Amino acid sequence: METTNIASGILITEILRAHAKWLQAQIEGRAHQEMQEESGQGRCILDGATLNGLDLSGADLQSAVIRGATLLDAELSDAKLGKAIIDAVDFQRALLGGADFSEAHIAESNFESSWMSDATLADAEIRNTGFRKTHLRNARFQGALLEGCRFPAATLSAACFNHSRIKLSDFSESDLTDAQFVRARVEGSRFYAAKGQDANFSNCLFKNCDFSRADLGRARFSRADLTGSQFDRAQLRDADMRHAQLSGVILCRADLTGARFAGALLQAADLRGADLANAREMSSQQLAQARTDDMTILPNGSPGPYRRNSGAERPGNR
């Protein structure tokens, strides 16, 4: 593999030194042109550079412009990339643990199989970027915009997506155990066969999302709006669905044993074939408004369909 510490004929150390001066000039309010005259370079711009395997750990690349560069297997742990412009960059297998991408603009890039544990991507704008099998444990995406991003089989355990906006993204088969999505707005995204035990989706909007076959045991969806979403064959044991908007949501063949439903809206929710054994805090009116069939297991353990005033909405009471 080709490894170099030269970009555009200039040593990386010189580029970083000039960039540090440029950053200081921004802090001091000095003119960009004056800075370029003094340093000969100014702002770090890595355009089409091949920097495979390069050690840039702890490097200060805030507000840098990185386009079309290749950083395969590069060492960027604890690097500072806040407000950077990153376009069509290949970070496959790079070490980015603790790296800071706050408010960065990332597009058309590839972080496949990279190590990004404890990375910060708060308030970043990330579009059409791949994170396949990327290790993102404890990563922070608070307030970030993710559009057209791909996280298949990624490790996102304990990651934080609070207040984020996510559109048309794919989290299929990813590990979202203990992840936080409080007040996130997610549209048209896939969570097929994802692992989300103990994840917190409270007060979220999940519009037209696919959670089919996902394992969401003990996950919290309290006051979440799940309009147009489907949970076909999902595992939702002991999940918290209190006050959730579930009208029209597909929950057929889902495992909802022990789940809590106080105040949830279930009008036209599809519970055909679902297992509701020992589901709690469900009223007769809620069940009567939902769709059940003879394959549904009702809260008291009896088979459906539910009949109003049968008492089958009470757990464990045959």
C-alpha atoms as a PDB file:
ATOM      1  CA  MET A   1       0.000   0.000   0.000  1.00  0.00           C
ATOM      2  CA  GLU A   2       1.293   3.427  -0.964  1.00  0.00           C
ATOM      3  CA  THR A   3       2.004   5.655   2.018  1.00  0.00           C
ATOM      4  CA  THR A   4       3.060   9.271   1.773  1.00  0.00           C
ATOM      5  CA  ASN A   5       3.397  12.329   3.950  1.00  0.00           C
ATOM      6  CA  ILE A   6       3.444  14.689   0.990  1.00  0.00           C
ATOM      7  CA  ALA A   7       0.425  16.469  -0.498  1.00  0.00           C
ATOM      8  CA  SER A   8       0.674  18.737  -3.543  1.00  0.00           C
ATOM      9  CA  GLY A   9       4.449  18.514  -3.268  1.00  0.00           C
ATOM     10  CA  ILE A  10       4.474  19.913   0.279  1.00  0.00           C
ATOM     11  CA  LEU A  11       5.309  18.015   3.439  1.00  0.00           C
ATOM     12  CA  ILE A  12       2.278  17.385   5.666  1.00  0.00           C
ATOM     13  CA  THR A  13       4.176  18.844   8.616  1.00  0.00           C
ATOM     14  CA  GLU A  14       4.546  22.110   6.714  1.00  0.00           C
ATOM     15  CA  ILE A  15       0.875  22.076   5.729  1.00  0.00           C
ATOM     16  CA  LEU A  16      -0.188  21.534   9.345  1.00  0.00           C
ATOM     17  CA  ARG A  17       2.147  24.265  10.569  1.00  0.00           C
ATOM     18  CA  ALA A  18       0.743  26.751   8.054  1.00  0.00           C
ATOM     19  CA  HIS A  19      -2.807  25.681   8.910  1.00  0.00           C
ATOM     20  CA  ALA A  20      -2.166  26.290  12.617  1.00  0.00           C
ATOM     21  CA  LYS A  21      -1.106  29.839  11.770  1.00  0.00           C
ATOM     22  CA  TRP A  22      -4.174  30.262   9.580  1.00  0.00           C
ATOM     23  CA  LEU A  23      -6.438  29.094  12.428  1.00  0.00           C
ATOM     24  CA  GLN A  24      -4.779  31.512  14.809  1.00  0.00           C
ATOM     25  CA  ALA A  25      -5.342  34.298  12.303  1.00  0.00           C
ATOM     26  CA  GLN A  26      -9.057  33.494  12.253  1.00  0.00           C
ATOM     27  CA  ILE A  27      -9.157  33.735  16.027  1.00  0.00           C
ATOM     28  CA  GLU A  28      -7.335  37.063  15.964  1.00  0.00           C
ATOM     29  CA  GLY A  29      -9.489  38.331  13.140  1.00  0.00           C
ATOM     30  CA  ARG A  30      -6.629  38.892  10.716  1.00  0.00           C
ATOM     31  CA  ALA A  31      -7.328  38.898   6.996  1.00  0.00           C
ATOM     32  CA  HIS A  32      -7.021  35.616   5.087  1.00  0.00           C
ATOM     33  CA  GLN A  33      -4.919  37.227   2.375  1.00  0.00           C
ATOM     34  CA  GLU A  34      -2.412  38.584   4.897  1.00  0.00           C
ATOM     35  CA  MET A  35      -2.059  35.099   6.386  1.00  0.00           C
ATOM     36  CA  GLN A  36      -1.384  33.539   3.008  1.00  0.00           C
ATOM     37  CA  GLU A  37       1.345  36.082   2.292  1.00  0.00           C
ATOM     38  CA  GLU A  38       3.108  35.291   5.567  1.00  0.00           C
ATOM     39  CA  SER A  39       2.860  31.488   5.487  1.00  0.00           C
ATOM     40  CA  GLY A  40       2.876  30.833   1.781  1.00  0.00           C
ATOM     41  CA  GLN A  41       0.063  28.311   2.302  1.00  0.00           C
ATOM     42  CA  GLY A  42      -2.617  29.253   4.825  1.00  0.00           C
ATOM     43  CA  ARG A  43      -5.669  27.019   5.164  1.00  0.00           C
ATOM     44  CA  CYS A  44      -5.084  23.265   4.832  1.00  0.00           C
ATOM     45  CA  ILE A  45      -6.482  22.012   1.534  1.00  0.00           C
ATOM     46  CA  LEU A  46      -5.881  18.349   0.739  1.00  0.00           C
ATOM     47  CA  ASP A  47      -7.224  17.875  -2.756  1.00  0.00           C
ATOM     48  CA  GLY A  48      -6.823  14.376  -4.206  1.00  0.00           C
ATOM     49  CA  ALA A  49      -3.982  13.542  -1.811  1.00  0.00           C
ATOM     50  CA  THR A  50      -2.992   9.932  -1.103  1.00  0.00           C
ATOM     51  CA  LEU A  51      -2.169   9.675   2.600  1.00  0.00           C
ATOM     52  CA  ASN A  52      -2.657   5.980   3.288  1.00  0.00           C
ATOM     53  CA  GLY A  53      -1.330   4.799   6.646  1.00  0.00           C
ATOM     54  CA  LEU A  54      -0.213   8.283   7.645  1.00  0.00           C
ATOM     55  CA  ASP A  55      -0.069   9.101  11.374  1.00  0.00           C
ATOM     56  CA  LEU A  56      -2.110  12.254  11.952  1.00  0.00           C
ATOM     57  CA  SER A  57      -3.179  11.441  15.496  1.00  0.00           C
ATOM     58  CA  GLY A  58      -4.142  14.575  17.397  1.00  0.00           C
ATOM     59  CA  ALA A  59      -3.678  16.746  14.283  1.00  0.00           C
ATOM     60  CA  ASP A  60      -5.553  20.044  14.270  1.00  0.00           C
ATOM     61  CA  LEU A  61      -7.445  20.080  10.980  1.00  0.00           C
ATOM     62  CA  GLN A  62     -10.324  22.285  12.044  1.00  0.00           C
ATOM     63  CA  SER A  63     -11.941  24.003   9.047  1.00  0.00           C
ATOM     64  CA  ALA A  64      -9.628  22.115   6.670  1.00  0.00           C
ATOM     65  CA  VAL A  65     -10.810  21.226   3.168  1.00  0.00           C
ATOM     66  CA  ILE A  66     -10.275  17.547   2.269  1.00  0.00           C
ATOM     67  CA  ARG A  67     -11.567  16.498  -1.151  1.00  0.00           C
ATOM     68  CA  GLY A  68     -11.027  13.301  -3.097  1.00  0.00           C
ATOM     69  CA  ALA A  69      -8.290  12.208  -0.702  1.00  0.00           C
ATOM     70  CA  THR A  70      -7.435   8.641   0.285  1.00  0.00           C
ATOM     71  CA  LEU A  71      -6.593   7.910   3.929  1.00  0.00           C
ATOM     72  CA  LEU A  72      -6.808   4.127   4.061  1.00  0.00           C
ATOM     73  CA  ASP A  73      -5.555   2.753   7.408  1.00  0.00           C
ATOM     74  CA  ALA A  74      -4.554   6.271   8.473  1.00  0.00           C
ATOM     75  CA  GLU A  75      -4.094   7.077  12.181  1.00  0.00           C
ATOM     76  CA  LEU A  76      -6.366  10.017  13.100  1.00  0.00           C
ATOM     77  CA  SER A  77      -7.169   9.273  16.729  1.00  0.00           C
ATOM     78  CA  ASP A  78      -8.176  12.426  18.630  1.00  0.00           C
ATOM     79  CA  ALA A  79      -7.761  14.514  15.474  1.00  0.00           C
ATOM     80  CA  LYS A  80      -9.650  17.812  15.378  1.00  0.00           C
ATOM     81  CA  LEU A  81     -11.783  18.065  12.255  1.00  0.00           C
ATOM     82  CA  GLY A  82     -14.493  20.403  13.485  1.00  0.00           C
ATOM     83  CA  LYS A  83     -16.094  22.516  10.711  1.00  0.00           C
ATOM     84  CA  ALA A  84     -13.961  20.703   8.123  1.00  0.00           C
ATOM     85  CA  ILE A  85     -15.247  20.187   4.587  1.00  0.00           C
ATOM     86  CA  ILE A  86     -14.837  16.495   3.753  1.00  0.00           C
ATOM     87  CA  ASP A  87     -15.934  15.462   0.285  1.00  0.00           C
ATOM     88  CA  ALA A  88     -15.418  12.092  -1.441  1.00  0.00           C
ATOM     89  CA  VAL A  89     -12.750  11.001   1.042  1.00  0.00           C
ATOM     90  CA  ASP A  90     -11.885   7.336   1.631  1.00  0.00           C
ATOM     91  CA  PHE A  91     -11.285   6.600   5.343  1.00  0.00           C
ATOM     92  CA  GLN A  92     -11.600   2.802   5.124  1.00  0.00           C
ATOM     93  CA  ARG A  93     -10.058   1.056   8.147  1.00  0.00           C
ATOM     94  CA  ALA A  94      -8.788   4.379   9.511  1.00  0.00           C
ATOM     95  CA  LEU A  95      -8.324   4.839  13.269  1.00  0.00           C
ATOM     96  CA  LEU A  96     -10.537   7.765  14.277  1.00  0.00           C
ATOM     97  CA  GLY A  97     -11.192   7.052  17.942  1.00  0.00           C
ATOM     98  CA  GLY A  98     -11.997  10.261  19.810  1.00  0.00           C
ATOM     99  CA  ALA A  99     -11.814  12.341  16.626  1.00  0.00           C
ATOM    100  CA  ASP A 100     -13.884  15.531  16.632  1.00  0.00           C
ATOM    101  CA  PHE A 101     -16.021  16.214  13.527  1.00  0.00           C
ATOM    102  CA  SER A 102     -18.321  18.750  15.194  1.00  0.00           C
ATOM    103  CA  GLU A 103     -20.128  20.936  12.634  1.00  0.00           C
ATOM    104  CA  ALA A 104     -18.190  19.292   9.800  1.00  0.00           C
ATOM    105  CA  HIS A 105     -19.685  18.982   6.316  1.00  0.00           C
ATOM    106  CA  ILE A 106     -19.174  15.396   5.141  1.00  0.00           C
ATOM    107  CA  ALA A 107     -20.405  14.105   1.785  1.00  0.00           C
ATOM    108  CA  GLU A 108     -19.891  11.090  -0.504  1.00  0.00           C
ATOM    109  CA  SER A 109     -17.234   9.648   1.825  1.00  0.00           C
ATOM    110  CA  ASN A 110     -16.447   6.141   3.037  1.00  0.00           C
ATOM    111  CA  PHE A 111     -15.684   5.193   6.663  1.00  0.00           C
ATOM    112  CA  GLU A 112     -16.140   1.453   6.153  1.00  0.00           C
ATOM    113  CA  SER A 113     -14.571  -0.692   8.906  1.00  0.00           C
ATOM    114  CA  SER A 114     -13.062   2.378  10.572  1.00  0.00           C
ATOM    115  CA  TRP A 115     -12.598   2.646  14.328  1.00  0.00           C
ATOM    116  CA  MET A 116     -14.564   5.699  15.526  1.00  0.00           C
ATOM    117  CA  SER A 117     -15.278   4.879  19.147  1.00  0.00           C
ATOM    118  CA  ASP A 118     -15.998   8.052  21.184  1.00  0.00           C
ATOM    119  CA  ALA A 119     -15.889  10.190  18.036  1.00  0.00           C
ATOM    120  CA  THR A 120     -17.869  13.434  18.083  1.00  0.00           C
ATOM    121  CA  LEU A 121     -20.044  14.346  15.099  1.00  0.00           C
ATOM    122  CA  ALA A 122     -22.357  16.768  16.893  1.00  0.00           C
ATOM    123  CA  ASP A 123     -24.150  19.258  14.608  1.00  0.00           C
ATOM    124  CA  ALA A 124     -22.343  17.809  11.581  1.00  0.00           C
ATOM    125  CA  GLU A 125     -24.023  17.565   8.177  1.00  0.00           C
ATOM    126  CA  ILE A 126     -23.384  14.117   6.716  1.00  0.00           C
ATOM    127  CA  ARG A 127     -24.759  13.134   3.312  1.00  0.00           C
ATOM    128  CA  ASN A 128     -24.472   9.996   1.183  1.00  0.00           C
ATOM    129  CA  THR A 129     -21.684   8.587   3.343  1.00  0.00           C
ATOM    130  CA  GLY A 130     -20.966   4.958   4.225  1.00  0.00           C
ATOM    131  CA  PHE A 131     -20.243   3.576   7.703  1.00  0.00           C
ATOM    132  CA  ARG A 132     -20.495  -0.143   6.924  1.00  0.00           C
ATOM    133  CA  LYS A 133     -19.132  -2.219   9.828  1.00  0.00           C
ATOM    134  CA  THR A 134     -17.735   0.951  11.397  1.00  0.00           C
ATOM    135  CA  HIS A 135     -17.117   0.856  15.162  1.00  0.00           C
ATOM    136  CA  LEU A 136     -18.960   3.895  16.562  1.00  0.00           C
ATOM    137  CA  ARG A 137     -19.507   2.917  20.187  1.00  0.00           C
ATOM    138  CA  ASN A 138     -20.228   6.014  22.320  1.00  0.00           C
ATOM    139  CA  ALA A 139     -20.097   8.234  19.227  1.00  0.00           C
ATOM    140  CA  ARG A 140     -21.996  11.500  19.559  1.00  0.00           C
ATOM    141  CA  PHE A 141     -24.299  12.645  16.748  1.00  0.00           C
ATOM    142  CA  GLN A 142     -26.357  15.168  18.753  1.00  0.00           C
ATOM    143  CA  GLY A 143     -28.066  17.676  16.487  1.00  0.00           C
ATOM    144  CA  ALA A 144     -26.465  16.159  13.376  1.00  0.00           C
ATOM    145  CA  LEU A 145     -28.099  15.915   9.967  1.00  0.00           C
ATOM    146  CA  LEU A 146     -27.716  12.502   8.312  1.00  0.00           C
ATOM    147  CA  GLU A 147     -29.129  12.089   4.839  1.00  0.00           C
ATOM    148  CA  GLY A 148     -28.666   9.032   2.644  1.00  0.00           C
ATOM    149  CA  CYS A 149     -26.106   7.520   5.027  1.00  0.00           C
ATOM    150  CA  ARG A 150     -25.416   3.796   5.349  1.00  0.00           C
ATOM    151  CA  PHE A 151     -24.641   2.042   8.660  1.00  0.00           C
ATOM    152  CA  PRO A 152     -25.177  -1.675   7.850  1.00  0.00           C
ATOM    153  CA  ALA A 153     -23.682  -3.935  10.542  1.00  0.00           C
ATOM    154  CA  ALA A 154     -22.132  -0.908  12.273  1.00  0.00           C
ATOM    155  CA  THR A 155     -21.495  -0.900  16.023  1.00  0.00           C
ATOM    156  CA  LEU A 156     -23.441   2.034  17.471  1.00  0.00           C
ATOM    157  CA  SER A 157     -23.938   0.808  21.021  1.00  0.00           C
ATOM    158  CA  ALA A 158     -24.434   3.691  23.482  1.00  0.00           C
ATOM    159  CA  ALA A 159     -24.191   6.171  20.585  1.00  0.00           C
ATOM    160  CA  CYS A 160     -26.114   9.416  21.023  1.00  0.00           C
ATOM    161  CA  PHE A 161     -28.415  10.743  18.277  1.00  0.00           C
ATOM    162  CA  ASN A 162     -30.462  13.092  20.461  1.00  0.00           C
ATOM    163  CA  HIS A 163     -32.124  15.912  18.484  1.00  0.00           C
ATOM    164  CA  SER A 164     -30.613  14.600  15.238  1.00  0.00           C
ATOM    165  CA  ARG A 165     -32.357  14.653  11.839  1.00  0.00           C
ATOM    166  CA  ILE A 166     -32.038  11.443   9.848  1.00  0.00           C
ATOM    167  CA  LYS A 167     -33.433  10.888   6.367  1.00  0.00           C
ATOM    168  CA  LEU A 168     -33.323   7.932   3.970  1.00  0.00           C
ATOM    169  CA  SER A 169     -30.551   6.211   5.913  1.00  0.00           C
ATOM    170  CA  ASP A 170     -29.872   2.519   6.497  1.00  0.00           C
ATOM    171  CA  PHE A 171     -29.101   1.032   9.931  1.00  0.00           C
ATOM    172  CA  SER A 172     -29.858  -2.585   8.940  1.00  0.00           C
ATOM    173  CA  GLU A 173     -28.240  -5.198  11.184  1.00  0.00           C
ATOM    174  CA  SER A 174     -26.456  -2.499  13.177  1.00  0.00           C
ATOM    175  CA  ASP A 175     -25.926  -2.693  16.950  1.00  0.00           C
ATOM    176  CA  LEU A 176     -27.909   0.118  18.611  1.00  0.00           C
ATOM    177  CA  THR A 177     -27.886  -1.341  22.123  1.00  0.00           C
ATOM    178  CA  ASP A 178     -28.349   1.451  24.687  1.00  0.00           C
ATOM    179  CA  ALA A 179     -28.320   4.072  21.913  1.00  0.00           C
ATOM    180  CA  GLN A 180     -30.059   7.394  22.557  1.00  0.00           C
ATOM    181  CA  PHE A 181     -32.437   8.943  19.993  1.00  0.00           C
ATOM    182  CA  VAL A 182     -34.371  11.320  22.257  1.00  0.00           C
ATOM    183  CA  ARG A 183     -36.321  13.875  20.184  1.00  0.00           C
ATOM    184  CA  ALA A 184     -34.663  12.730  16.966  1.00  0.00           C
ATOM    185  CA  ARG A 185     -36.591  13.102  13.692  1.00  0.00           C
ATOM    186  CA  VAL A 186     -36.127  10.070  11.464  1.00  0.00           C
ATOM    187  CA  GLU A 187     -37.791   9.632   8.079  1.00  0.00           C
ATOM    188  CA  GLY A 188     -37.766   6.873   5.492  1.00  0.00           C
ATOM    189  CA  SER A 189     -34.950   4.954   7.166  1.00  0.00           C
ATOM    190  CA  ARG A 190     -34.300   1.221   7.611  1.00  0.00           C
ATOM    191  CA  PHE A 191     -33.511  -0.530  10.904  1.00  0.00           C
ATOM    192  CA  TYR A 192     -34.074  -4.036   9.536  1.00  0.00           C
ATOM    193  CA  ALA A 193     -32.784  -6.719  11.947  1.00  0.00           C
ATOM    194  CA  ALA A 194     -31.005  -4.074  14.014  1.00  0.00           C
ATOM    195  CA  LYS A 195     -30.172  -4.791  17.669  1.00  0.00           C
ATOM    196  CA  GLY A 196     -31.621  -2.025  19.811  1.00  0.00           C
ATOM    197  CA  GLN A 197     -32.110  -3.521  23.257  1.00  0.00           C
ATOM    198  CA  ASP A 198     -32.538  -0.841  25.939  1.00  0.00           C
ATOM    199  CA  ALA A 199     -32.325   1.938  23.341  1.00  0.00           C
ATOM    200  CA  ASN A 200     -34.152   5.186  24.080  1.00  0.00           C
ATOM    201  CA  PHE A 201     -36.440   6.467  21.291  1.00  0.00           C
ATOM    202  CA  SER A 202     -38.591   8.642  23.546  1.00  0.00           C
ATOM    203  CA  ASN A 203     -40.322  11.669  22.003  1.00  0.00           C
ATOM    204  CA  CYS A 204     -38.972  10.733  18.545  1.00  0.00           C
ATOM    205  CA  LEU A 205     -40.584  11.026  15.166  1.00  0.00           C
ATOM    206  CA  PHE A 206     -40.089   7.832  13.131  1.00  0.00           C
ATOM    207  CA  LYS A 207     -41.998   8.413   9.910  1.00  0.00           C
ATOM    208  CA  ASN A 208     -42.182   5.588   7.370  1.00  0.00           C
ATOM    209  CA  CYS A 209     -39.317   3.643   8.951  1.00  0.00           C
ATOM    210  CA  ASP A 210     -38.738  -0.115   8.765  1.00  0.00           C
ATOM    211  CA  PHE A 211     -37.935  -1.980  12.013  1.00  0.00           C
ATOM    212  CA  SER A 212     -38.811  -5.434  10.653  1.00  0.00           C
ATOM    213  CA  ARG A 213     -37.123  -8.257  12.582  1.00  0.00           C
ATOM    214  CA  ALA A 214     -35.310  -5.757  14.817  1.00  0.00           C
ATOM    215  CA  ASP A 215     -34.552  -6.781  18.407  1.00  0.00           C
ATOM    216  CA  LEU A 216     -35.858  -3.896  20.525  1.00  0.00           C
ATOM    217  CA  GLY A 217     -36.349  -5.571  23.872  1.00  0.00           C
ATOM    218  CA  ARG A 218     -36.892  -3.048  26.716  1.00  0.00           C
ATOM    219  CA  ALA A 219     -36.546  -0.163  24.248  1.00  0.00           C
ATOM    220  CA  ARG A 220     -38.346   3.057  25.152  1.00  0.00           C
ATOM    221  CA  PHE A 221     -40.757   4.568  22.636  1.00  0.00           C
ATOM    222  CA  SER A 222     -42.743   6.681  25.100  1.00  0.00           C
ATOM    223  CA  ARG A 223     -44.481   9.595  23.354  1.00  0.00           C
ATOM    224  CA  ALA A 224     -42.829   8.630  20.054  1.00  0.00           C
ATOM    225  CA  ASP A 225     -44.674   9.189  16.776  1.00  0.00           C
ATOM    226  CA  LEU A 226     -44.256   6.048  14.675  1.00  0.00           C
ATOM    227  CA  THR A 227     -46.611   7.042  11.866  1.00  0.00           C
ATOM    228  CA  GLY A 228     -46.273   4.866   8.775  1.00  0.00           C
ATOM    229  CA  SER A 229     -43.591   2.638  10.301  1.00  0.00           C
ATOM    230  CA  GLN A 230     -43.524  -1.144  10.453  1.00  0.00           C
ATOM    231  CA  PHE A 231     -42.298  -3.606  13.081  1.00  0.00           C
ATOM    232  CA  ASP A 232     -43.117  -6.871  11.338  1.00  0.00           C
ATOM    233  CA  ARG A 233     -41.727  -9.759  13.448  1.00  0.00           C
ATOM    234  CA  ALA A 234     -39.811  -7.316  15.639  1.00  0.00           C
ATOM    235  CA  GLN A 235     -38.831  -8.290  19.181  1.00  0.00           C
ATOM    236  CA  LEU A 236     -40.378  -5.708  21.544  1.00  0.00           C
ATOM    237  CA  ARG A 237     -40.471  -7.604  24.830  1.00  0.00           C
ATOM    238  CA  ASP A 238     -41.031  -5.268  27.808  1.00  0.00           C
ATOM    239  CA  ALA A 239     -40.822  -2.239  25.497  1.00  0.00           C
ATOM    240  CA  ASP A 240     -42.247   1.065  26.716  1.00  0.00           C
ATOM    241  CA  MET A 241     -44.933   2.231  24.273  1.00  0.00           C
ATOM    242  CA  ARG A 242     -46.728   4.573  26.642  1.00  0.00           C
ATOM    243  CA  HIS A 243     -48.451   7.515  24.919  1.00  0.00           C
ATOM    244  CA  ALA A 244     -46.870   6.518  21.595  1.00  0.00           C
ATOM    245  CA  GLN A 245     -48.590   7.267  18.281  1.00  0.00           C
ATOM    246  CA  LEU A 246     -49.141   3.775  16.878  1.00  0.00           C
ATOM    247  CA  SER A 247     -52.177   4.418  14.689  1.00  0.00           C
ATOM    248  CA  GLY A 248     -51.849   2.437  11.473  1.00  0.00           C
ATOM    249  CA  VAL A 249     -48.441   1.078  12.493  1.00  0.00           C
ATOM    250  CA  ILE A 250     -47.688  -2.488  11.341  1.00  0.00           C
ATOM    251  CA  LEU A 251     -46.890  -4.679  14.354  1.00  0.00           C
ATOM    252  CA  CYS A 252     -47.986  -7.997  12.865  1.00  0.00           C
ATOM    253  CA  ARG A 253     -46.185 -11.044  14.250  1.00  0.00           C
ATOM    254  CA  ALA A 254     -44.230  -8.820  16.643  1.00  0.00           C
ATOM    255  CA  ASP A 255     -43.294 -10.057  20.110  1.00  0.00           C
ATOM    256  CA  LEU A 256     -44.871  -7.501  22.461  1.00  0.00           C
ATOM    257  CA  THR A 257     -44.956  -9.625  25.598  1.00  0.00           C
ATOM    258  CA  GLY A 258     -44.817  -7.513  28.724  1.00  0.00           C
ATOM    259  CA  ALA A 259     -44.866  -4.241  26.761  1.00  0.00           C
ATOM    260  CA  ARG A 260     -46.524  -1.160  28.290  1.00  0.00           C
ATOM    261  CA  PHE A 261     -49.261   0.676  26.356  1.00  0.00           C
ATOM    262  CA  ALA A 262     -50.781   3.271  28.708  1.00  0.00           C
ATOM    263  CA  GLY A 263     -52.157   6.153  26.648  1.00  0.00           C
ATOM    264  CA  ALA A 264     -50.870   4.741  23.339  1.00  0.00           C
ATOM    265  CA  LEU A 265     -52.970   5.447  20.219  1.00  0.00           C
ATOM    266  CA  LEU A 266     -53.714   2.126  18.504  1.00  0.00           C
ATOM    267  CA  GLN A 267     -56.389   3.009  15.973  1.00  0.00           C
ATOM    268  CA  ALA A 268     -55.976   0.666  12.971  1.00  0.00           C
ATOM    269  CA  ALA A 269     -52.650  -0.606  14.345  1.00  0.00           C
ATOM    270  CA  ASP A 270     -51.970  -4.014  12.798  1.00  0.00           C
ATOM    271  CA  LEU A 271     -51.567  -6.556  15.616  1.00  0.00           C
ATOM    272  CA  ARG A 272     -52.439  -9.620  13.561  1.00  0.00           C
ATOM    273  CA  GLY A 273     -50.280 -12.518  14.684  1.00  0.00           C
ATOM    274  CA  ALA A 274     -48.651 -10.394  17.406  1.00  0.00           C
ATOM    275  CA  ASP A 275     -47.866 -11.841  20.838  1.00  0.00           C
ATOM    276  CA  LEU A 276     -49.338  -9.518  23.479  1.00  0.00           C
ATOM    277  CA  ALA A 277     -49.111 -11.961  26.369  1.00  0.00           C
ATOM    278  CA  ASN A 278     -48.851 -10.046  29.644  1.00  0.00           C
ATOM    279  CA  ALA A 279     -48.845  -6.691  27.829  1.00  0.00           C
ATOM    280  CA  ARG A 280     -49.594  -4.057  30.429  1.00  0.00           C
ATOM    281  CA  GLU A 281     -51.737  -0.946  30.792  1.00  0.00           C
ATOM    282  CA  MET A 282     -53.816  -1.697  27.699  1.00  0.00           C
ATOM    283  CA  SER A 283     -57.493  -0.767  27.711  1.00  0.00           C
ATOM    284  CA  SER A 284     -60.462  -2.434  26.068  1.00  0.00           C
ATOM    285  CA  GLN A 285     -60.921   0.603  23.831  1.00  0.00           C
ATOM    286  CA  GLN A 286     -57.304   0.469  22.635  1.00  0.00           C
ATOM    287  CA  LEU A 287     -57.522  -3.212  21.663  1.00  0.00           C
ATOM    288  CA  ALA A 288     -60.926  -2.794  20.050  1.00  0.00           C
ATOM    289  CA  GLN A 289     -59.526  -0.084  17.763  1.00  0.00           C
ATOM    290  CA  ALA A 290     -56.568  -2.232  16.664  1.00  0.00           C
ATOM    291  CA  ARG A 291     -56.610  -5.076  14.138  1.00  0.00           C
ATOM    292  CA  THR A 292     -56.286  -8.530  15.684  1.00  0.00           C
ATOM    293  CA  ASP A 293     -56.940 -12.018  14.350  1.00  0.00           C
ATOM    294  CA  ASP A 294     -57.027 -15.626  15.518  1.00  0.00           C
ATOM    295  CA  MET A 295     -53.212 -15.712  15.490  1.00  0.00           C
ATOM    296  CA  THR A 296     -52.943 -12.790  17.915  1.00  0.00           C
ATOM    297  CA  ILE A 297     -52.147 -13.732  21.508  1.00  0.00           C
ATOM    298  CA  LEU A 298     -54.009 -11.298  23.754  1.00  0.00           C
ATOM    299  CA  PRO A 299     -52.679  -9.899  27.062  1.00  0.00           C
ATOM    300  CA  ASN A 300     -54.444 -12.568  29.124  1.00  0.00           C
ATOM    301  CA  GLY A 301     -52.885 -15.332  27.022  1.00  0.00           C
ATOM    302  CA  SER A 302     -55.995 -16.222  25.057  1.00  0.00           C
ATOM    303  CA  PRO A 303     -56.088 -16.240  21.239  1.00  0.00           C
ATOM    304  CA  GLY A 304     -57.677 -13.389  19.297  1.00  0.00           C
ATOM    305  CA  PRO A 305     -59.435 -11.744  17.734  1.00  0.00           C
ATOM    306  CA  TYR A 306     -60.200  -9.370  20.581  1.00  0.00           C
ATOM    307  CA  ARG A 307     -63.836  -8.964  21.607  1.00  0.00           C
ATOM    308  CA  ARG A 308     -64.856  -5.827  23.446  1.00  0.00           C
ATOM    309  CA  ASN A 309     -65.618  -6.323  27.152  1.00  0.00           C
ATOM    310  CA  SER A 310     -64.104  -9.819  27.142  1.00  0.00           C
ATOM    311  CA  GLY A 311     -61.509  -8.824  29.730  1.00  0.00           C
ATOM    312  CA  ALA A 312     -58.738 -10.246  27.542  1.00  0.00           C
ATOM    313  CA  GLU A 313     -56.921  -6.887  27.721  1.00  0.00           C
ATOM    314  CA  ARG A 314     -55.913  -7.658  31.307  1.00  0.00           C
ATOM    315  CA  PRO A 315     -52.619  -9.545  31.634  1.00  0.00           C
ATOM    316  CA  GLY A 316     -52.726 -13.058  33.034  1.00  0.00           C
ATOM    317  CA  ASN A 317     -56.483 -13.071  33.533  1.00  0.00           C
ATOM    318  CA  ARG A 318     -58.073 -15.889  31.551  1.00  0.00           C
END
